[in-house]
Amino acid sequence: MQFRELISELSKTAVDVNCFTSHDAFLEYAGHVSKVELRVFKNGWSRAGPTLCWEIYGPNKLLPEHHPEQDYAAILSDISFKIQNL
């Protein structure tokens, strides 16, 4: 799985969380640093902060030593599992 595929799947996940559960999900992408962040709030948004949060960096030609390629399929699987078990 490539980083852009992960972003697409996380977008679908965030929409599904917001449409089909009592939880709130927020997805942010920062292209200048090749980072995607998913935050999930159990039972809705709260000032206390997210229940679950992931910051995932994609490959970055300017900073390859800081953000090596990761197993995005495994990361997505972990995210899906944790959301399903909220």
C-alpha atoms as a PDB file:
ATOM      1  CA  MET A   1       0.000   0.000   0.000  1.00  0.00           C
ATOM      2  CA  GLN A   2       1.277   3.443  -0.913  1.00  0.00           C
ATOM      3  CA  PHE A   3       0.944   6.535   1.276  1.00  0.00           C
ATOM      4  CA  ARG A   4      -1.697   8.107  -0.985  1.00  0.00           C
ATOM      5  CA  GLU A   5      -3.784   4.912  -0.735  1.00  0.00           C
ATOM      6  CA  LEU A   6      -3.539   5.115   3.053  1.00  0.00           C
ATOM      7  CA  ILE A   7      -4.806   8.705   2.951  1.00  0.00           C
ATOM      8  CA  SER A   8      -7.745   7.623   0.798  1.00  0.00           C
ATOM      9  CA  GLU A   9      -8.647   4.771   3.150  1.00  0.00           C
ATOM     10  CA  LEU A  10      -8.310   6.991   6.223  1.00  0.00           C
ATOM     11  CA  SER A  11     -10.643   9.510   4.591  1.00  0.00           C
ATOM     12  CA  LYS A  12     -13.252   6.780   4.114  1.00  0.00           C
ATOM     13  CA  THR A  13     -12.707   5.639   7.695  1.00  0.00           C
ATOM     14  CA  ALA A  14     -13.246   9.162   9.050  1.00  0.00           C
ATOM     15  CA  VAL A  15     -16.469   9.565   7.054  1.00  0.00           C
ATOM     16  CA  ASP A  16     -17.724   6.166   8.242  1.00  0.00           C
ATOM     17  CA  VAL A  17     -16.968   7.001  11.875  1.00  0.00           C
ATOM     18  CA  ASN A  18     -18.847  10.302  11.598  1.00  0.00           C
ATOM     19  CA  CYS A  19     -21.821   8.879   9.690  1.00  0.00           C
ATOM     20  CA  PHE A  20     -22.338   5.504  11.338  1.00  0.00           C
ATOM     21  CA  THR A  21     -21.180   5.818  14.958  1.00  0.00           C
ATOM     22  CA  SER A  22     -21.632   8.136  17.928  1.00  0.00           C
ATOM     23  CA  HIS A  23     -17.933   9.086  17.679  1.00  0.00           C
ATOM     24  CA  ASP A  24     -16.320  12.035  15.875  1.00  0.00           C
ATOM     25  CA  ALA A  25     -13.298  11.701  13.584  1.00  0.00           C
ATOM     26  CA  PHE A  26     -11.054  14.411  12.180  1.00  0.00           C
ATOM     27  CA  LEU A  27      -8.558  13.838   9.370  1.00  0.00           C
ATOM     28  CA  GLU A  28      -5.850  16.349   8.496  1.00  0.00           C
ATOM     29  CA  TYR A  29      -3.216  16.193   5.779  1.00  0.00           C
ATOM     30  CA  ALA A  30      -0.101  18.362   5.741  1.00  0.00           C
ATOM     31  CA  GLY A  31       1.463  17.934   2.317  1.00  0.00           C
ATOM     32  CA  HIS A  32       4.505  20.086   3.042  1.00  0.00           C
ATOM     33  CA  VAL A  33       5.719  17.514   5.593  1.00  0.00           C
ATOM     34  CA  SER A  34       3.951  14.479   4.107  1.00  0.00           C
ATOM     35  CA  LYS A  35       1.908  13.848   7.257  1.00  0.00           C
ATOM     36  CA  VAL A  36      -1.625  12.648   7.856  1.00  0.00           C
ATOM     37  CA  GLU A  37      -3.296  12.787  11.259  1.00  0.00           C
ATOM     38  CA  LEU A  38      -6.456  10.982  12.326  1.00  0.00           C
ATOM     39  CA  ARG A  39      -8.112  11.878  15.621  1.00  0.00           C
ATOM     40  CA  VAL A  40     -11.106   9.991  16.995  1.00  0.00           C
ATOM     41  CA  PHE A  41     -13.219  11.220  19.906  1.00  0.00           C
ATOM     42  CA  LYS A  42     -15.252   8.535  21.614  1.00  0.00           C
ATOM     43  CA  ASN A  43     -18.924   9.581  21.912  1.00  0.00           C
ATOM     44  CA  GLY A  44     -18.252  12.922  20.215  1.00  0.00           C
ATOM     45  CA  TRP A  45     -15.822  15.814  20.321  1.00  0.00           C
ATOM     46  CA  SER A  46     -14.481  16.823  23.725  1.00  0.00           C
ATOM     47  CA  ARG A  47     -12.165  19.531  25.035  1.00  0.00           C
ATOM     48  CA  ALA A  48     -10.327  16.764  26.862  1.00  0.00           C
ATOM     49  CA  GLY A  49      -8.838  15.676  23.550  1.00  0.00           C
ATOM     50  CA  PRO A  50      -9.095  12.671  21.294  1.00  0.00           C
ATOM     51  CA  THR A  51      -9.526   9.132  22.568  1.00  0.00           C
ATOM     52  CA  LEU A  52      -7.378   7.812  19.723  1.00  0.00           C
ATOM     53  CA  CYS A  53      -4.833   9.691  17.646  1.00  0.00           C
ATOM     54  CA  TRP A  54      -2.400   8.717  14.898  1.00  0.00           C
ATOM     55  CA  GLU A  55       0.265  10.818  13.159  1.00  0.00           C
ATOM     56  CA  ILE A  56       1.595   9.010  10.128  1.00  0.00           C
ATOM     57  CA  TYR A  57       4.390  10.319   7.948  1.00  0.00           C
ATOM     58  CA  GLY A  58       4.807   9.388   4.324  1.00  0.00           C
ATOM     59  CA  PRO A  59       8.026   9.284   2.374  1.00  0.00           C
ATOM     60  CA  ASN A  60       9.547  12.713   1.992  1.00  0.00           C
ATOM     61  CA  LYS A  61      12.273  13.278  -0.595  1.00  0.00           C
ATOM     62  CA  LEU A  62      13.569  16.251   1.350  1.00  0.00           C
ATOM     63  CA  LEU A  63      13.812  14.359   4.651  1.00  0.00           C
ATOM     64  CA  PRO A  64      14.172  10.641   3.795  1.00  0.00           C
ATOM     65  CA  GLU A  65      16.159   9.912   6.937  1.00  0.00           C
ATOM     66  CA  HIS A  66      13.329  11.205   9.117  1.00  0.00           C
ATOM     67  CA  HIS A  67      10.411   9.458   7.449  1.00  0.00           C
ATOM     68  CA  PRO A  68      11.257   6.047   6.022  1.00  0.00           C
ATOM     69  CA  GLU A  69       8.493   4.124   4.261  1.00  0.00           C
ATOM     70  CA  GLN A  70       6.254   2.219   6.649  1.00  0.00           C
ATOM     71  CA  ASP A  71       3.916  -0.740   6.392  1.00  0.00           C
ATOM     72  CA  TYR A  72       0.812   1.339   5.704  1.00  0.00           C
ATOM     73  CA  ALA A  73      -1.446  -1.714   5.349  1.00  0.00           C
ATOM     74  CA  ALA A  74      -0.509  -2.817   8.882  1.00  0.00           C
ATOM     75  CA  ILE A  75      -1.075   0.700  10.216  1.00  0.00           C
ATOM     76  CA  LEU A  76      -4.520   0.836   8.585  1.00  0.00           C
ATOM     77  CA  SER A  77      -5.383  -2.577  10.016  1.00  0.00           C
ATOM     78  CA  ASP A  78      -4.380  -1.416  13.513  1.00  0.00           C
ATOM     79  CA  ILE A  79      -6.431   1.766  13.172  1.00  0.00           C
ATOM     80  CA  SER A  80      -9.502  -0.136  11.985  1.00  0.00           C
ATOM     81  CA  PHE A  81      -9.212  -2.626  14.841  1.00  0.00           C
ATOM     82  CA  LYS A  82      -8.912   0.077  17.508  1.00  0.00           C
ATOM     83  CA  ILE A  83     -11.841   2.084  16.141  1.00  0.00           C
ATOM     84  CA  GLN A  84     -14.055  -0.994  15.964  1.00  0.00           C
ATOM     85  CA  ASN A  85     -13.242  -1.731  19.603  1.00  0.00           C
ATOM     86  CA  LEU A  86     -14.014   1.727  21.004  1.00  0.00           C
END
